[in-house]
Protein backbone atom coordinates (compact mmCIF):
# COMPACT_ATOMS: atom_id res chain seq x y z
CA MET A 1 -96.67 46.48 0.08
CA ILE A 2 -97.07 44.18 -2.91
CA VAL A 3 -97.97 45.80 -6.23
CA LEU A 4 -99.25 43.85 -9.21
CA GLY A 5 -98.33 45.57 -12.47
CA ILE A 6 -100.09 44.59 -15.68
CA ASP A 7 -99.42 45.26 -19.35
CA PRO A 8 -102.66 44.09 -20.98
CA GLY A 9 -102.90 42.43 -24.36
CA THR A 10 -105.02 39.81 -26.05
CA ALA A 11 -102.13 37.62 -27.21
CA ILE A 12 -99.84 38.38 -24.24
CA THR A 13 -100.74 39.97 -20.93
CA GLY A 14 -97.61 40.64 -18.93
CA TYR A 15 -97.70 40.73 -15.15
CA GLY A 16 -95.17 41.52 -12.47
CA LEU A 17 -95.40 41.55 -8.70
CA VAL A 18 -93.10 43.90 -6.87
CA HIS A 19 -92.69 43.96 -3.11
CA GLU A 20 -91.67 47.35 -1.81
CA GLU A 21 -90.36 47.72 1.71
CA ASP A 22 -88.31 50.53 3.20
CA GLY A 23 -87.74 52.06 -0.22
CA GLN A 24 -86.35 48.86 -1.74
CA ALA A 25 -88.24 47.12 -4.54
CA VAL A 26 -87.91 43.39 -5.16
CA ALA A 27 -89.53 41.32 -7.90
CA LEU A 28 -91.58 38.57 -6.28
CA ALA A 29 -92.91 36.96 -9.44
CA TYR A 30 -93.45 37.82 -13.07
CA GLY A 31 -94.62 36.19 -16.24
CA ALA A 32 -97.01 36.28 -19.14
CA ILE A 33 -100.52 35.08 -19.71
CA THR A 34 -100.68 33.94 -23.33
CA THR A 35 -103.67 32.98 -25.41
CA PRO A 36 -103.69 30.98 -28.64
CA SER A 37 -104.50 33.12 -31.68
CA GLU A 38 -106.80 30.45 -33.12
CA LEU A 39 -109.22 30.74 -30.18
CA PRO A 40 -112.26 33.02 -30.52
CA LEU A 41 -111.91 36.34 -28.70
CA PRO A 42 -114.37 35.46 -25.90
CA ASP A 43 -112.38 32.32 -25.08
CA ARG A 44 -109.11 34.26 -25.06
CA LEU A 45 -110.61 36.83 -22.69
CA MET A 46 -111.81 34.05 -20.38
CA LEU A 47 -108.27 32.62 -20.28
CA ILE A 48 -106.87 36.02 -19.33
CA GLN A 49 -109.46 36.41 -16.57
CA ARG A 50 -108.91 32.91 -15.20
CA ASP A 51 -105.11 33.09 -15.20
CA LEU A 52 -105.00 36.61 -13.76
CA ALA A 53 -107.40 35.62 -10.98
CA ALA A 54 -105.06 32.70 -10.19
CA VAL A 55 -102.05 35.07 -10.00
CA ILE A 56 -103.98 37.32 -7.61
CA GLU A 57 -105.07 34.35 -5.48
CA ARG A 58 -101.51 32.98 -5.33
CA HIS A 59 -99.69 36.22 -4.50
CA ARG A 60 -102.31 38.37 -2.72
CA PRO A 61 -101.18 41.82 -3.90
CA ASP A 62 -102.18 44.93 -1.94
CA GLN A 63 -102.79 47.05 -5.02
CA ALA A 64 -102.59 46.91 -8.78
CA ALA A 65 -101.47 49.12 -11.64
CA VAL A 66 -102.40 48.88 -15.29
CA GLU A 67 -100.90 50.59 -18.28
CA GLN A 68 -103.41 52.79 -20.05
CA LEU A 69 -104.21 52.11 -23.65
CA PHE A 70 -101.86 53.84 -26.03
CA PHE A 71 -103.84 54.42 -29.20
CA ASN A 72 -101.76 53.73 -32.24
CA LYS A 73 -102.56 53.73 -35.93
CA ASN A 74 -103.83 50.16 -35.93
CA VAL A 75 -107.42 50.44 -34.72
CA ARG A 76 -107.93 46.65 -34.72
CA THR A 77 -104.97 46.20 -32.36
CA ALA A 78 -106.20 49.01 -30.12
CA LEU A 79 -109.64 47.42 -29.88
CA ALA A 80 -108.19 44.00 -29.02
CA VAL A 81 -106.00 45.53 -26.31
CA GLY A 82 -109.05 47.42 -25.04
CA HIS A 83 -110.95 44.14 -24.66
CA ALA A 84 -108.09 42.61 -22.68
CA ARG A 85 -107.73 45.76 -20.59
CA GLY A 86 -111.42 45.64 -19.70
CA VAL A 87 -111.12 42.05 -18.53
CA VAL A 88 -108.04 42.94 -16.49
CA LEU A 89 -109.77 45.90 -14.81
CA LEU A 90 -112.85 43.77 -14.04
CA THR A 91 -110.72 40.99 -12.54
CA LEU A 92 -108.82 43.46 -10.36
CA ALA A 93 -112.07 45.12 -9.23
CA GLN A 94 -113.56 41.72 -8.37
CA ALA A 95 -110.51 41.11 -6.17
CA ASN A 96 -111.20 44.45 -4.40
CA LEU A 97 -107.76 45.79 -5.28
CA PRO A 98 -107.06 49.51 -5.46
CA ILE A 99 -106.21 50.18 -9.11
CA TYR A 100 -103.84 52.80 -10.48
CA GLU A 101 -103.58 53.56 -14.17
CA TYR A 102 -100.61 55.15 -15.89
CA THR A 103 -99.86 56.28 -19.40
CA PRO A 104 -96.73 54.88 -21.04
CA LEU A 105 -95.18 58.35 -20.67
CA GLU A 106 -95.81 58.34 -16.90
CA VAL A 107 -94.27 54.87 -16.54
CA LYS A 108 -91.17 55.87 -18.51
CA GLN A 109 -90.81 59.08 -16.48
CA ALA A 110 -91.04 57.25 -13.16
CA VAL A 111 -88.70 54.39 -14.05
CA THR A 112 -86.05 56.18 -16.14
CA GLY A 113 -86.52 59.85 -15.26
CA HIS A 114 -87.28 60.62 -18.90
CA GLY A 115 -90.76 60.37 -20.41
CA ARG A 116 -89.41 59.78 -23.91
CA ALA A 117 -87.13 56.88 -22.98
CA ASP A 118 -87.10 54.02 -25.43
CA LYS A 119 -88.20 50.47 -24.63
CA ARG A 120 -84.61 49.24 -24.14
CA GLN A 121 -83.86 51.99 -21.58
CA VAL A 122 -86.98 51.09 -19.61
CA GLN A 123 -86.07 47.39 -19.67
CA GLN A 124 -82.54 48.12 -18.47
CA MET A 125 -83.79 50.29 -15.61
CA VAL A 126 -86.34 47.65 -14.56
CA THR A 127 -83.52 45.08 -14.49
CA LEU A 128 -81.26 47.41 -12.51
CA LEU A 129 -83.89 48.65 -10.02
CA LEU A 130 -85.10 45.13 -9.25
CA GLY A 131 -81.63 43.57 -9.18
CA LEU A 132 -82.48 41.03 -11.88
CA SER A 133 -79.76 39.10 -13.69
CA LYS A 134 -81.32 39.68 -17.12
CA ILE A 135 -84.07 41.63 -18.83
CA PRO A 136 -87.42 39.85 -18.36
CA LYS A 137 -88.94 38.44 -21.54
CA PRO A 138 -91.19 38.86 -23.38
CA ASP A 139 -91.25 42.66 -23.48
CA ASP A 140 -94.75 42.67 -21.98
CA VAL A 141 -93.35 41.23 -18.74
CA ALA A 142 -90.70 43.94 -18.42
CA ASP A 143 -93.42 46.51 -19.16
CA ALA A 144 -95.63 45.06 -16.41
CA LEU A 145 -92.76 45.24 -13.91
CA ALA A 146 -92.18 48.85 -14.98
CA VAL A 147 -95.85 49.63 -14.28
CA ALA A 148 -95.55 48.07 -10.81
CA LEU A 149 -92.35 50.03 -10.16
CA CYS A 150 -94.09 53.21 -11.29
CA THR A 151 -96.63 52.69 -8.52
CA CYS A 152 -93.91 52.14 -5.92
CA ILE A 153 -92.04 55.25 -7.04
CA ARG A 154 -95.09 57.50 -7.36
CA ARG A 155 -96.74 56.35 -4.15
CA GLY A 156 -93.50 56.82 -2.20
């Protein structure tokens, strides 16, 4: 089973593909889709859609997982992330992928065993569980891998 995990964002959308077989998870590919801040929002959203569709075409995942929007105090940021998340969900649906959605708390619980783990703990566990030599950067990529791992762990 190949799971595509996504941490949506307008500036950076992290993605990670995890292959799970016989209880062992392996990172197949991971990276970030970035958009220039000077571009208008519709153009940035089109870039996210195009690049994510290319990732799906290249790696042919069996299912996808997306981190749910965590509403913070900055409404403008939350709205921008919501736009990116909508494009991500649409792109996944167009690819006919089963989609799972998890809150940040659920991802932390699955990956570290503790729902209140900090970002560094999650990154270290992602690195350990996937046998990576270093923590994936930027943070959005490690978060996307954590979302993919959450699916592997929760789906057994």
